[in-house]
Amino acid sequence: MLGLMLTDYHLHLRPDGDGTSFERHFTGENVERYLGAAAAAGIEELGVSEHVYRFRAALDLWRHPLWVENAVDDLDAYCEFVRGTPLRLGIE
């Protein structure tokens, strides 16, 4: 019998909506909150997959008005933060 591991690789630390910020949501406390909820649900591995339009670097790909309005985060800071946690790193 194969062992199964429950995972969730589609997690957003920063919710959509006005008034959200990188500094408020990319914290160790927020990561621990998600890890605790995952453990309680039997999920063994989590991955974040933040929206690409949140990052200034995305404007090199496309200058859609939604992206221009929301591209305020630094991609390198996001990657560095996540790599310092047990989370898997992704972008959608």
Protein backbone atom coordinates (compact mmCIF):
# COMPACT_ATOMS: atom_id res chain seq x y z
CA MET A 1 0.00 0.00 0.00
CA LEU A 2 1.30 3.43 -0.92
CA GLY A 3 1.59 6.06 1.77
CA LEU A 4 -0.38 9.21 1.09
CA MET A 5 0.61 12.73 2.01
CA LEU A 6 -1.96 15.51 1.94
CA THR A 7 -0.66 18.76 0.47
CA ASP A 8 -1.97 22.19 -0.44
CA TYR A 9 0.14 24.18 -2.87
CA HIS A 10 -2.40 26.92 -3.56
CA LEU A 11 -2.23 29.18 -0.55
CA HIS A 12 -2.18 32.96 -0.44
CA LEU A 13 -0.57 34.58 2.60
CA ARG A 14 -1.78 37.96 1.37
CA PRO A 15 -5.50 38.09 0.61
CA ASP A 16 -6.96 40.06 -2.26
CA GLY A 17 -8.64 43.30 -1.38
CA ASP A 18 -7.91 46.86 -0.46
CA GLY A 19 -5.74 47.58 2.54
CA THR A 20 -3.65 44.42 2.39
CA SER A 21 0.10 44.79 2.46
CA PHE A 22 3.21 42.67 2.15
CA GLU A 23 4.39 43.75 5.60
CA ARG A 24 1.15 42.76 7.31
CA HIS A 25 0.75 39.30 5.78
CA PHE A 26 4.27 38.05 5.10
CA THR A 27 5.14 37.40 8.72
CA GLY A 28 6.28 34.41 10.71
CA GLU A 29 3.10 34.63 12.76
CA ASN A 30 0.92 34.36 9.66
CA VAL A 31 2.92 31.38 8.40
CA GLU A 32 2.56 29.66 11.79
CA ARG A 33 -1.20 30.28 11.73
CA TYR A 34 -1.49 28.57 8.34
CA LEU A 35 0.81 25.71 9.34
CA GLY A 36 -1.24 25.11 12.48
CA ALA A 37 -4.52 25.03 10.56
CA ALA A 38 -2.99 22.68 8.00
CA ALA A 39 -1.67 20.32 10.67
CA ALA A 40 -5.10 20.24 12.33
CA ALA A 41 -6.59 19.22 8.95
CA GLY A 42 -3.95 16.54 8.35
CA ILE A 43 -2.14 18.49 5.63
CA GLU A 44 1.58 17.79 5.78
CA GLU A 45 2.98 20.27 3.26
CA LEU A 46 1.92 23.76 2.22
CA GLY A 47 2.95 25.93 -0.67
CA VAL A 48 2.24 29.57 -1.36
CA SER A 49 1.31 30.68 -4.85
CA GLU A 50 0.90 34.42 -4.81
CA HIS A 51 -0.59 36.31 -7.76
CA VAL A 52 2.05 37.50 -10.22
CA TYR A 53 0.32 40.84 -10.74
CA ARG A 54 1.26 41.84 -7.18
CA PHE A 55 4.94 42.12 -8.11
CA ARG A 56 6.60 45.11 -9.79
CA ALA A 57 8.70 42.74 -11.92
CA ALA A 58 5.50 41.47 -13.57
CA LEU A 59 5.10 44.80 -15.33
CA ASP A 60 7.96 43.72 -17.60
CA LEU A 61 5.57 41.04 -18.89
CA TRP A 62 2.31 42.94 -19.19
CA ARG A 63 1.05 46.40 -18.34
CA HIS A 64 -2.62 45.56 -17.88
CA PRO A 65 -4.35 48.25 -15.75
CA LEU A 66 -5.04 45.72 -12.94
CA TRP A 67 -1.36 44.84 -12.85
CA VAL A 68 -0.21 48.47 -12.95
CA GLU A 69 -2.51 49.27 -10.03
CA ASN A 70 -1.47 46.29 -7.90
CA ALA A 71 2.20 45.70 -8.74
CA VAL A 72 3.66 47.05 -5.52
CA ASP A 73 5.55 44.09 -4.01
CA ASP A 74 9.16 43.11 -4.54
CA LEU A 75 9.54 39.63 -6.06
CA ASP A 76 12.96 39.03 -4.50
CA ALA A 77 11.68 39.94 -1.01
CA TYR A 78 8.78 37.49 -1.45
CA CYS A 79 11.10 34.68 -2.55
CA GLU A 80 13.52 35.38 0.29
CA PHE A 81 10.73 35.40 2.86
CA VAL A 82 9.17 32.13 1.71
CA ARG A 83 12.54 30.37 1.42
CA GLY A 84 13.04 31.12 5.12
CA THR A 85 9.90 29.16 6.02
CA PRO A 86 8.76 25.52 5.68
CA LEU A 87 6.45 26.61 2.83
CA ARG A 88 7.00 25.70 -0.83
CA LEU A 89 7.48 28.68 -3.13
CA GLY A 90 5.25 29.44 -6.12
CA ILE A 91 3.63 32.15 -8.21
CA GLU A 92 0.43 32.02 -10.19
